[in-house]
Amino acid sequence: MEDAVAVGIEAAARKDEARALFAPLPRHYDLAAALTSFGQDPRWRRAMVRAVGAQQGQRVLDVATGTGLVAAALVRRFRCTVVGVDQSPQMLGRAEAKLREDPMLQRAVTLVRAEAERLPFAGESFDHVTFTYLLRYVEDPAATLSELTRVLKRGGTLACLEFGLPRSQPWRALWHAYTKVGLPAVLRLVSKEWAQTGAFLARSIPSFYARHPLDEQLEMWHAAGMREVRVRRMSLGAGVVMWGQKEGTGPAATAGGARAEMRDLRRGAGEPPSVGGESLPEEQDGCAEAP
């Protein structure tokens, strides 16, 4: 019991620290996001958006929308409508300012201040749901995934983007060196606040995967009611895109399928994943990349 309380307190402290760190950062968020990802963040976001496969006129929920990068990409690619949710009023203010610059986006995107753990929407009210850099900051990732799935219609896609850890030891050592030394130094050029955020990310990313390895996260997705869950490691594993469909239509996921997905996750290399039957070309680092 005491251990559970301690874990809850630690998780709440992480969330409070992240909220305080990110509050003054929206103005330079897009630039800093690119810097923290070796310049790969825009490419990772495109891959996640492509995996959603929305249709014109559908309604998509984008959780942890930040400055609205994913929401804007969804509208431009699919001509859908998007509800962007974030707990930070500063981030939502920056997103609103960007939306005003594009009449199409202003019509198609609605912004709502709310927390991912307690979404103010009815069940099965969105055709698809996306979230970005979210689960590291919540107290209970499994419960948060269940809440995200709750508002998703049956057969809809849940897709996410998160930082990852490179698989090979040499690249992982280089990643640690960059995040601990190079990243804070580079972000200091943006602002003093971003330098502090770089140090926070260097701690929070490895800590998250120590608590919740990728195979455990995959199990969480299945437990939340998702099937055909897929994982794409990009940029030598520094970025991870996951997506799947909510159970209820089409062929149900089987236990064998889940085990196969976990084998693929541990093996890393192999057949590139597919979206809607379309095989994606393989990257040089063994991951699949959307053209």
Protein backbone atom coordinates (compact mmCIF):
# COMPACT_ATOMS: atom_id res chain seq x y z
CA MET A 1 0.00 0.00 0.00
CA GLU A 2 2.81 2.38 0.94
CA ASP A 3 4.61 1.56 -2.31
CA ALA A 4 1.48 2.42 -4.33
CA VAL A 5 1.12 5.73 -2.51
CA ALA A 6 4.79 6.53 -3.12
CA VAL A 7 4.42 5.79 -6.84
CA GLY A 8 1.35 8.01 -7.03
CA ILE A 9 3.13 10.88 -5.28
CA GLU A 10 6.14 10.52 -7.58
CA ALA A 11 3.91 10.54 -10.69
CA ALA A 12 2.02 13.61 -9.48
CA ALA A 13 5.33 15.37 -8.84
CA ARG A 14 6.47 14.60 -12.40
CA LYS A 15 3.27 16.04 -13.81
CA ASP A 16 3.52 19.18 -11.68
CA GLU A 17 7.16 19.65 -12.67
CA ALA A 18 6.32 19.28 -16.35
CA ARG A 19 3.40 21.72 -16.06
CA ALA A 20 5.65 24.32 -14.42
CA LEU A 21 8.47 23.80 -16.91
CA PHE A 22 6.33 24.04 -20.04
CA ALA A 23 4.18 26.99 -18.96
CA PRO A 24 6.60 29.70 -20.24
CA LEU A 25 7.65 27.80 -23.39
CA PRO A 26 4.88 28.00 -26.04
CA ARG A 27 6.46 30.83 -28.05
CA HIS A 28 9.49 28.71 -29.05
CA TYR A 29 7.86 25.30 -28.69
CA ASP A 30 7.94 24.26 -32.35
CA LEU A 31 11.63 25.13 -32.73
CA ALA A 32 12.60 23.47 -29.47
CA ALA A 33 10.63 20.31 -30.33
CA ALA A 34 12.70 19.97 -33.48
CA LEU A 35 15.94 20.51 -31.55
CA THR A 36 15.08 17.95 -28.86
CA SER A 37 14.46 15.31 -31.55
CA PHE A 38 17.61 15.82 -33.64
CA GLY A 39 15.41 17.69 -36.11
CA GLN A 40 13.20 14.62 -36.59
CA ASP A 41 10.03 15.71 -34.78
CA PRO A 42 8.25 17.05 -37.92
CA ARG A 43 8.94 13.76 -39.70
CA TRP A 44 7.67 11.68 -36.77
CA ARG A 45 4.49 13.74 -36.60
CA ARG A 46 3.86 13.23 -40.31
CA ALA A 47 4.21 9.47 -39.86
CA MET A 48 1.73 9.45 -36.97
CA VAL A 49 -0.78 11.60 -38.85
CA ARG A 50 -0.53 9.35 -41.89
CA ALA A 51 -1.23 6.28 -39.73
CA VAL A 52 -4.57 7.78 -38.62
CA GLY A 53 -6.09 7.44 -42.08
CA ALA A 54 -9.04 9.74 -41.38
CA GLN A 55 -11.66 10.58 -44.00
CA GLN A 56 -13.02 13.95 -45.00
CA GLY A 57 -15.62 15.19 -42.55
CA GLN A 58 -14.66 12.86 -39.71
CA ARG A 59 -14.10 14.18 -36.18
CA VAL A 60 -10.67 13.65 -34.58
CA LEU A 61 -9.58 14.30 -31.00
CA ASP A 62 -5.97 15.46 -30.56
CA VAL A 63 -4.90 15.18 -26.91
CA ALA A 64 -1.87 17.08 -25.60
CA THR A 65 -2.29 19.23 -28.69
CA GLY A 66 0.25 21.81 -27.50
CA THR A 67 0.60 24.54 -30.10
CA GLY A 68 -1.65 22.64 -32.52
CA LEU A 69 0.93 21.10 -34.85
CA VAL A 70 -0.81 17.73 -35.13
CA ALA A 71 -4.29 19.27 -35.25
CA ALA A 72 -3.26 21.46 -38.20
CA ALA A 73 -1.62 18.53 -39.98
CA LEU A 74 -4.73 16.38 -39.59
CA VAL A 75 -6.99 19.07 -41.07
CA ARG A 76 -4.68 19.77 -43.99
CA ARG A 77 -4.17 16.11 -44.85
CA PHE A 78 -7.68 14.72 -44.37
CA ARG A 79 -10.04 17.75 -44.41
CA CYS A 80 -11.47 16.51 -41.11
CA THR A 81 -12.50 18.51 -38.05
CA VAL A 82 -10.34 18.37 -34.91
CA VAL A 83 -10.88 19.03 -31.23
CA GLY A 84 -7.53 19.87 -29.65
CA VAL A 85 -7.20 19.25 -25.91
CA ASP A 86 -4.43 20.45 -23.60
CA GLN A 87 -4.16 21.16 -19.88
CA SER A 88 -1.92 24.21 -20.45
CA PRO A 89 -3.65 27.55 -21.07
CA GLN A 90 -0.35 28.92 -22.35
CA MET A 91 -0.07 26.23 -25.01
CA LEU A 92 -3.71 26.68 -26.02
CA GLY A 93 -3.17 30.43 -26.28
CA ARG A 94 -0.30 29.91 -28.69
CA ALA A 95 -2.35 27.39 -30.67
CA GLU A 96 -5.25 29.84 -30.91
CA ALA A 97 -2.94 32.56 -32.22
CA LYS A 98 -1.64 30.22 -34.92
CA LEU A 99 -5.15 29.14 -35.91
CA ARG A 100 -6.16 32.77 -36.49
CA GLU A 101 -3.51 32.96 -39.22
CA ASP A 102 -5.34 30.35 -41.34
CA PRO A 103 -9.13 30.66 -41.86
CA MET A 104 -9.48 26.99 -42.84
CA LEU A 105 -7.82 25.84 -39.62
CA GLN A 106 -9.82 28.32 -37.56
CA ARG A 107 -13.05 26.81 -38.89
CA ALA A 108 -11.96 23.19 -38.50
CA VAL A 109 -10.17 23.17 -35.13
CA THR A 110 -11.77 23.67 -31.71
CA LEU A 111 -9.55 24.02 -28.63
CA VAL A 112 -10.56 22.75 -25.19
CA ARG A 113 -8.70 22.97 -21.90
CA ALA A 114 -8.89 19.59 -20.19
CA GLU A 115 -6.78 16.73 -18.84
CA ALA A 116 -6.27 13.48 -20.70
CA GLU A 117 -7.20 11.50 -17.60
CA ARG A 118 -10.66 13.11 -17.43
CA LEU A 119 -11.90 14.00 -20.89
CA PRO A 120 -15.13 16.06 -20.97
CA PHE A 121 -16.67 14.10 -23.85
CA ALA A 122 -19.27 11.37 -24.22
CA GLY A 123 -18.19 7.83 -25.00
CA GLU A 124 -17.44 6.97 -28.63
CA SER A 125 -17.77 10.58 -29.77
CA PHE A 126 -14.67 10.73 -32.01
CA ASP A 127 -13.79 8.81 -35.17
CA HIS A 128 -10.07 8.85 -34.31
CA VAL A 129 -7.86 9.96 -31.40
CA THR A 130 -4.24 11.09 -31.41
CA PHE A 131 -1.85 12.06 -28.63
CA THR A 132 1.75 13.25 -28.55
CA TYR A 133 4.38 13.09 -25.80
CA LEU A 134 1.70 12.38 -23.20
CA LEU A 135 2.07 9.16 -21.22
CA ARG A 136 5.36 10.16 -19.56
CA TYR A 137 3.47 12.85 -17.65
CA VAL A 138 0.38 11.05 -16.38
CA GLU A 139 0.06 9.22 -13.08
CA ASP A 140 -1.46 6.05 -14.57
CA PRO A 141 -0.67 5.42 -18.28
CA ALA A 142 -2.95 2.37 -18.47
CA ALA A 143 -5.92 4.27 -17.05
CA THR A 144 -5.23 7.20 -19.37
CA LEU A 145 -5.19 4.86 -22.39
CA SER A 146 -8.56 3.47 -21.26
CA GLU A 147 -9.94 7.02 -21.06
CA LEU A 148 -8.66 7.84 -24.55
CA THR A 149 -10.21 4.63 -25.86
CA ARG A 150 -13.51 5.42 -24.13
CA VAL A 151 -14.18 8.45 -26.35
CA LEU A 152 -13.05 6.62 -29.52
CA LYS A 153 -15.65 5.03 -31.79
CA ARG A 154 -15.43 1.30 -32.46
CA GLY A 155 -13.13 0.64 -35.39
CA GLY A 156 -11.49 4.05 -35.03
CA THR A 157 -7.74 4.60 -34.87
CA LEU A 158 -5.79 5.57 -31.77
CA ALA A 159 -2.32 6.87 -32.66
CA CYS A 160 0.52 8.36 -30.65
CA LEU A 161 4.05 9.72 -30.89
CA GLU A 162 6.62 9.48 -28.11
CA PHE A 163 10.35 9.82 -27.69
CA GLY A 164 12.16 6.50 -27.65
CA LEU A 165 15.53 5.04 -26.73
CA PRO A 166 17.83 3.80 -29.53
CA ARG A 167 18.13 0.02 -29.52
CA SER A 168 21.85 -0.42 -30.22
CA GLN A 169 24.23 0.38 -27.39
CA PRO A 170 26.52 2.72 -29.40
CA TRP A 171 23.58 4.84 -30.58
CA ARG A 172 22.02 4.76 -27.10
CA ALA A 173 25.30 6.00 -25.59
CA LEU A 174 25.37 8.82 -28.13
CA TRP A 175 21.71 9.63 -27.33
CA HIS A 176 22.48 9.84 -23.60
CA ALA A 177 25.46 12.11 -24.27
CA TYR A 178 23.38 14.40 -26.45
CA THR A 179 20.42 14.65 -24.07
CA LYS A 180 22.56 15.16 -20.96
CA VAL A 181 25.13 17.59 -22.37
CA GLY A 182 24.41 18.70 -25.93
CA LEU A 183 20.66 19.19 -25.66
CA PRO A 184 20.69 21.57 -22.67
CA ALA A 185 23.48 23.55 -24.32
CA VAL A 186 21.59 23.85 -27.62
CA LEU A 187 18.30 24.73 -25.91
CA ARG A 188 20.06 27.38 -23.84
CA LEU A 189 20.40 29.27 -27.14
CA VAL A 190 16.59 29.31 -27.32
CA SER A 191 16.02 30.36 -23.71
CA LYS A 192 17.09 29.60 -20.14
CA GLU A 193 13.74 27.90 -19.54
CA TRP A 194 14.26 25.53 -22.45
CA ALA A 195 17.69 24.56 -21.09
CA GLN A 196 15.96 23.43 -17.89
CA THR A 197 13.42 21.51 -19.96
CA GLY A 198 16.21 19.73 -21.83
CA ALA A 199 17.62 18.48 -18.53
CA PHE A 200 14.13 17.33 -17.51
CA LEU A 201 13.67 15.35 -20.75
CA ALA A 202 17.07 13.69 -20.31
CA ARG A 203 15.75 12.26 -17.03
CA SER A 204 12.10 11.62 -17.88
CA ILE A 205 12.52 9.63 -21.10
CA PRO A 206 14.79 6.83 -19.76
CA SER A 207 12.80 6.79 -16.52
CA PHE A 208 9.55 6.23 -18.42
CA TYR A 209 10.93 3.25 -20.36
CA ALA A 210 12.43 1.79 -17.19
CA ARG A 211 8.94 1.81 -15.65
CA HIS A 212 7.01 0.92 -18.81
CA PRO A 213 9.01 -0.91 -21.53
CA LEU A 214 7.52 -0.98 -25.00
CA ASP A 215 6.21 -4.53 -24.66
CA GLU A 216 4.36 -3.50 -21.49
CA GLN A 217 2.91 -0.49 -23.30
CA LEU A 218 1.67 -2.79 -26.03
CA GLU A 219 -0.10 -4.88 -23.40
CA MET A 220 -1.71 -1.69 -22.04
CA TRP A 221 -3.09 -0.90 -25.49
CA HIS A 222 -4.65 -4.36 -25.77
CA ALA A 223 -6.06 -4.13 -22.25
CA ALA A 224 -7.67 -0.80 -23.20
CA GLY A 225 -9.54 -2.51 -26.05
CA MET A 226 -7.22 -1.87 -29.00
CA ARG A 227 -6.44 -4.45 -31.68
CA GLU A 228 -3.89 -4.65 -34.51
CA VAL A 229 -1.56 -2.43 -32.51
CA ARG A 230 1.57 -1.52 -34.43
CA VAL A 231 4.87 0.02 -33.41
CA ARG A 232 7.29 1.95 -35.62
CA ARG A 233 10.69 2.88 -34.29
CA MET A 234 12.04 5.79 -36.28
CA SER A 235 15.41 7.53 -36.44
CA LEU A 236 17.32 4.62 -34.90
CA GLY A 237 14.65 4.29 -32.24
CA ALA A 238 14.72 7.89 -30.98
CA GLY A 239 11.07 8.30 -32.01
CA VAL A 240 8.25 5.77 -31.54
CA VAL A 241 4.91 5.86 -33.36
CA MET A 242 2.17 3.49 -32.17
CA TRP A 243 -1.32 3.02 -33.55
CA GLY A 244 -4.18 0.55 -33.56
CA GLN A 245 -7.93 0.17 -34.00
CA LYS A 246 -10.56 -0.05 -31.30
CA GLU A 247 -12.25 -3.42 -31.06
CA GLY A 248 -15.79 -3.77 -32.29
CA THR A 249 -15.70 -3.93 -36.09
CA GLY A 250 -13.70 -6.06 -38.46
CA PRO A 251 -11.72 -9.13 -37.43
CA ALA A 252 -11.04 -9.27 -33.70
CA ALA A 253 -7.46 -9.32 -32.50
CA THR A 254 -6.35 -12.77 -31.42
CA ALA A 255 -4.03 -13.74 -28.63
CA GLY A 256 -1.69 -15.14 -31.26
CA GLY A 257 -1.69 -11.81 -33.05
CA ALA A 258 -0.82 -10.02 -29.84
CA ARG A 259 2.03 -12.43 -29.19
CA ALA A 260 3.30 -11.93 -32.75
CA GLU A 261 3.27 -8.18 -32.28
CA MET A 262 5.30 -8.56 -29.08
CA ARG A 263 7.80 -10.81 -30.89
CA ASP A 264 8.18 -8.19 -33.62
CA LEU A 265 8.64 -5.52 -30.97
CA ARG A 266 11.47 -7.40 -29.30
CA ARG A 267 13.09 -8.48 -32.58
CA GLY A 268 13.04 -4.97 -34.07
CA ALA A 269 14.01 -5.79 -37.67
CA GLY A 270 11.75 -7.68 -40.04
CA GLU A 271 8.90 -6.95 -42.37
CA PRO A 272 8.02 -3.25 -42.40
CA PRO A 273 4.59 -2.50 -40.94
CA SER A 274 1.66 -1.67 -43.17
CA VAL A 275 -1.27 0.68 -43.05
CA GLY A 276 -4.44 -0.53 -44.72
CA GLY A 277 -2.53 -3.29 -46.48
CA GLU A 278 -0.01 -0.90 -48.01
CA SER A 279 3.54 -1.99 -47.25
CA LEU A 280 5.81 0.86 -46.29
CA PRO A 281 9.41 1.05 -47.53
CA GLU A 282 12.13 0.27 -45.05
CA GLU A 283 14.46 2.88 -43.61
CA GLN A 284 18.22 2.42 -43.48
CA ASP A 285 17.95 1.84 -39.71
CA GLY A 286 15.44 -0.95 -40.19
CA CYS A 287 12.31 1.06 -39.43
CA ALA A 288 9.55 1.88 -41.87
CA GLU A 289 9.10 5.43 -43.08
CA ALA A 290 6.12 6.88 -44.91
CA PRO A 291 7.05 8.22 -48.33
